[in-house]
Amino acid sequence: MTYSVYDLLRSLVEHGASDLHVKAGAPPGFRKDGQIQPQQEFGVLDGNMAALFRQSLPQLQKTEDRKSIMFCA
């Protein structure tokens, strides 16, 4: 099943978490109380995470290095 960025962010807020961590090949993680907690209900995310965010939230700014991309509003 495919989820949108909005689904992930809605769940993040419902869980009272502060950060969303996504990586292809792993379930998304929410940072809460300083710990990253995998959200198994979303299953393993696949595909290009940067494209998912750019498509859903084109107004975001990004910084990139060789291993990660950080988006912020």
N, C-alpha and C. Protein backbone atom coordinates (compact mmCIF):
# COMPACT_ATOMS: atom_id res chain seq x y z
N MET A 1 0.84 -1.19 0.00
CA MET A 1 0.00 0.00 0.00
C MET A 1 0.88 1.24 0.00
N THR A 2 0.48 2.26 -0.74
CA THR A 2 1.25 3.49 -0.84
C THR A 2 0.64 4.56 0.06
N TYR A 3 1.49 5.25 0.76
CA TYR A 3 1.06 6.33 1.64
C TYR A 3 1.62 7.64 1.13
N SER A 4 0.92 8.71 1.40
CA SER A 4 1.41 10.03 1.02
C SER A 4 2.17 10.65 2.19
N VAL A 5 2.88 11.69 1.89
CA VAL A 5 3.57 12.45 2.94
C VAL A 5 2.55 12.97 3.94
N TYR A 6 1.38 13.35 3.45
CA TYR A 6 0.34 13.86 4.34
C TYR A 6 -0.13 12.80 5.33
N ASP A 7 -0.24 11.54 4.89
CA ASP A 7 -0.60 10.46 5.80
C ASP A 7 0.44 10.31 6.90
N LEU A 8 1.71 10.36 6.50
CA LEU A 8 2.80 10.22 7.48
C LEU A 8 2.79 11.39 8.47
N LEU A 9 2.62 12.61 7.97
CA LEU A 9 2.63 13.78 8.85
C LEU A 9 1.42 13.80 9.77
N ARG A 10 0.28 13.38 9.27
CA ARG A 10 -0.93 13.32 10.11
C ARG A 10 -0.71 12.35 11.27
N SER A 11 -0.14 11.20 10.96
CA SER A 11 0.13 10.20 12.00
C SER A 11 1.18 10.71 12.98
N LEU A 12 2.18 11.41 12.47
CA LEU A 12 3.23 11.97 13.33
C LEU A 12 2.61 12.90 14.38
N VAL A 13 1.72 13.77 13.95
CA VAL A 13 1.05 14.70 14.87
C VAL A 13 0.19 13.94 15.86
N GLU A 14 -0.55 12.95 15.38
CA GLU A 14 -1.40 12.15 16.27
C GLU A 14 -0.59 11.43 17.34
N HIS A 15 0.64 11.05 17.02
CA HIS A 15 1.51 10.37 17.97
C HIS A 15 2.26 11.35 18.89
N GLY A 16 2.13 12.64 18.65
CA GLY A 16 2.83 13.63 19.46
C GLY A 16 4.33 13.62 19.23
N ALA A 17 4.75 13.24 18.02
CA ALA A 17 6.17 13.16 17.69
C ALA A 17 6.65 14.48 17.10
N SER A 18 7.98 14.63 17.06
CA SER A 18 8.55 15.89 16.59
C SER A 18 9.19 15.79 15.21
N ASP A 19 9.71 14.63 14.83
CA ASP A 19 10.43 14.49 13.57
C ASP A 19 9.97 13.24 12.83
N LEU A 20 10.03 13.32 11.51
CA LEU A 20 9.73 12.19 10.66
C LEU A 20 11.02 11.73 9.99
N HIS A 21 11.34 10.46 10.12
CA HIS A 21 12.53 9.87 9.51
C HIS A 21 12.07 8.84 8.49
N VAL A 22 12.47 9.02 7.22
CA VAL A 22 12.10 8.07 6.17
C VAL A 22 13.35 7.60 5.45
N LYS A 23 13.31 6.35 5.08
CA LYS A 23 14.41 5.73 4.34
C LYS A 23 13.83 4.59 3.52
N ALA A 24 14.14 4.55 2.23
CA ALA A 24 13.66 3.46 1.39
C ALA A 24 14.15 2.14 1.97
N GLY A 25 13.26 1.16 2.00
CA GLY A 25 13.61 -0.15 2.51
C GLY A 25 13.39 -0.32 4.00
N ALA A 26 12.80 0.68 4.65
CA ALA A 26 12.54 0.62 6.09
C ALA A 26 11.21 1.30 6.38
N PRO A 27 10.57 0.97 7.50
CA PRO A 27 9.35 1.70 7.87
C PRO A 27 9.72 3.12 8.30
N PRO A 28 8.80 4.06 8.18
CA PRO A 28 9.10 5.41 8.66
C PRO A 28 9.29 5.39 10.17
N GLY A 29 10.05 6.34 10.66
CA GLY A 29 10.26 6.46 12.10
C GLY A 29 9.82 7.83 12.58
N PHE A 30 9.25 7.87 13.77
CA PHE A 30 8.86 9.13 14.41
C PHE A 30 9.76 9.34 15.61
N ARG A 31 10.28 10.56 15.77
CA ARG A 31 11.07 10.88 16.95
C ARG A 31 10.13 11.38 18.03
N LYS A 32 10.16 10.69 19.15
CA LYS A 32 9.34 11.07 20.30
C LYS A 32 10.15 10.82 21.55
N ASP A 33 10.20 11.81 22.42
CA ASP A 33 10.97 11.71 23.66
C ASP A 33 12.43 11.35 23.38
N GLY A 34 12.96 11.91 22.28
CA GLY A 34 14.37 11.72 21.95
C GLY A 34 14.72 10.40 21.29
N GLN A 35 13.74 9.54 21.08
CA GLN A 35 13.99 8.22 20.48
C GLN A 35 13.24 8.11 19.15
N ILE A 36 13.87 7.47 18.17
CA ILE A 36 13.19 7.20 16.90
C ILE A 36 12.44 5.88 17.03
N GLN A 37 11.14 5.95 16.82
CA GLN A 37 10.28 4.79 16.97
C GLN A 37 9.74 4.37 15.60
N PRO A 38 10.13 3.17 15.10
CA PRO A 38 9.62 2.70 13.81
C PRO A 38 8.10 2.58 13.84
N GLN A 39 7.48 2.97 12.76
CA GLN A 39 6.01 2.92 12.65
C GLN A 39 5.65 1.77 11.70
N GLN A 40 5.56 0.58 12.26
CA GLN A 40 5.35 -0.63 11.48
C GLN A 40 4.03 -0.64 10.71
N GLU A 41 3.04 0.14 11.17
CA GLU A 41 1.75 0.12 10.49
C GLU A 41 1.83 0.63 9.06
N PHE A 42 2.89 1.37 8.74
CA PHE A 42 3.07 1.86 7.37
C PHE A 42 3.83 0.86 6.51
N GLY A 43 4.40 -0.15 7.12
CA GLY A 43 5.18 -1.12 6.37
C GLY A 43 6.49 -0.51 5.89
N VAL A 44 7.15 -1.21 5.02
CA VAL A 44 8.43 -0.75 4.48
C VAL A 44 8.17 0.22 3.34
N LEU A 45 8.83 1.36 3.38
CA LEU A 45 8.70 2.35 2.31
C LEU A 45 9.62 1.97 1.17
N ASP A 46 9.15 2.16 -0.04
CA ASP A 46 10.01 1.89 -1.18
C ASP A 46 10.04 3.11 -2.09
N GLY A 47 10.91 3.09 -3.04
CA GLY A 47 10.97 4.17 -4.01
C GLY A 47 11.88 5.31 -3.59
N ASN A 48 11.79 6.37 -4.33
CA ASN A 48 12.64 7.53 -4.16
C ASN A 48 11.99 8.49 -3.16
N MET A 49 12.53 8.55 -1.96
CA MET A 49 11.95 9.37 -0.91
C MET A 49 12.00 10.86 -1.26
N ALA A 50 13.10 11.32 -1.86
CA ALA A 50 13.20 12.73 -2.23
C ALA A 50 12.10 13.11 -3.21
N ALA A 51 11.84 12.26 -4.19
CA ALA A 51 10.79 12.54 -5.17
C ALA A 51 9.42 12.58 -4.50
N LEU A 52 9.19 11.69 -3.55
CA LEU A 52 7.92 11.67 -2.82
C LEU A 52 7.69 13.02 -2.14
N PHE A 53 8.71 13.54 -1.49
CA PHE A 53 8.56 14.81 -0.78
C PHE A 53 8.47 15.99 -1.75
N ARG A 54 9.28 15.99 -2.77
CA ARG A 54 9.23 17.09 -3.75
C ARG A 54 7.86 17.15 -4.42
N GLN A 55 7.30 16.01 -4.75
CA GLN A 55 6.01 15.96 -5.42
C GLN A 55 4.89 16.42 -4.49
N SER A 56 4.92 15.98 -3.26
CA SER A 56 3.85 16.30 -2.32
C SER A 56 3.96 17.70 -1.73
N LEU A 57 5.19 18.14 -1.50
CA LEU A 57 5.41 19.42 -0.83
C LEU A 57 6.46 20.23 -1.58
N PRO A 58 6.14 20.73 -2.78
CA PRO A 58 7.15 21.39 -3.61
C PRO A 58 7.71 22.68 -3.02
N GLN A 59 7.04 23.26 -2.05
CA GLN A 59 7.52 24.51 -1.47
C GLN A 59 8.65 24.30 -0.46
N LEU A 60 8.95 23.06 -0.13
CA LEU A 60 10.00 22.80 0.85
C LEU A 60 11.38 23.12 0.30
N GLN A 61 12.24 23.54 1.18
CA GLN A 61 13.64 23.75 0.84
C GLN A 61 14.40 22.51 1.25
N LYS A 62 15.49 22.22 0.58
CA LYS A 62 16.23 21.02 0.91
C LYS A 62 17.72 21.29 0.96
N THR A 63 18.38 20.47 1.75
CA THR A 63 19.83 20.42 1.75
C THR A 63 20.20 18.96 1.52
N GLU A 64 21.27 18.74 0.77
CA GLU A 64 21.66 17.37 0.44
C GLU A 64 23.13 17.15 0.74
N ASP A 65 23.42 15.95 1.17
CA ASP A 65 24.79 15.47 1.16
C ASP A 65 24.75 14.12 0.48
N ARG A 66 25.80 13.37 0.52
CA ARG A 66 25.84 12.12 -0.23
C ARG A 66 24.93 11.05 0.36
N LYS A 67 24.56 11.15 1.62
CA LYS A 67 23.81 10.08 2.26
C LYS A 67 22.39 10.46 2.65
N SER A 68 22.08 11.73 2.73
CA SER A 68 20.75 12.09 3.21
C SER A 68 20.28 13.40 2.60
N ILE A 69 19.00 13.61 2.72
CA ILE A 69 18.38 14.86 2.29
C ILE A 69 17.51 15.32 3.45
N MET A 70 17.63 16.59 3.82
CA MET A 70 16.80 17.13 4.88
C MET A 70 15.88 18.19 4.27
N PHE A 71 14.61 18.03 4.52
CA PHE A 71 13.61 19.00 4.07
C PHE A 71 13.13 19.79 5.28
N CYS A 72 12.89 21.08 5.07
CA CYS A 72 12.34 21.88 6.15
C CYS A 72 11.43 22.94 5.56
N ALA A 73 10.44 23.31 6.34
CA ALA A 73 9.48 24.32 5.87
C ALA A 73 9.96 25.69 6.30
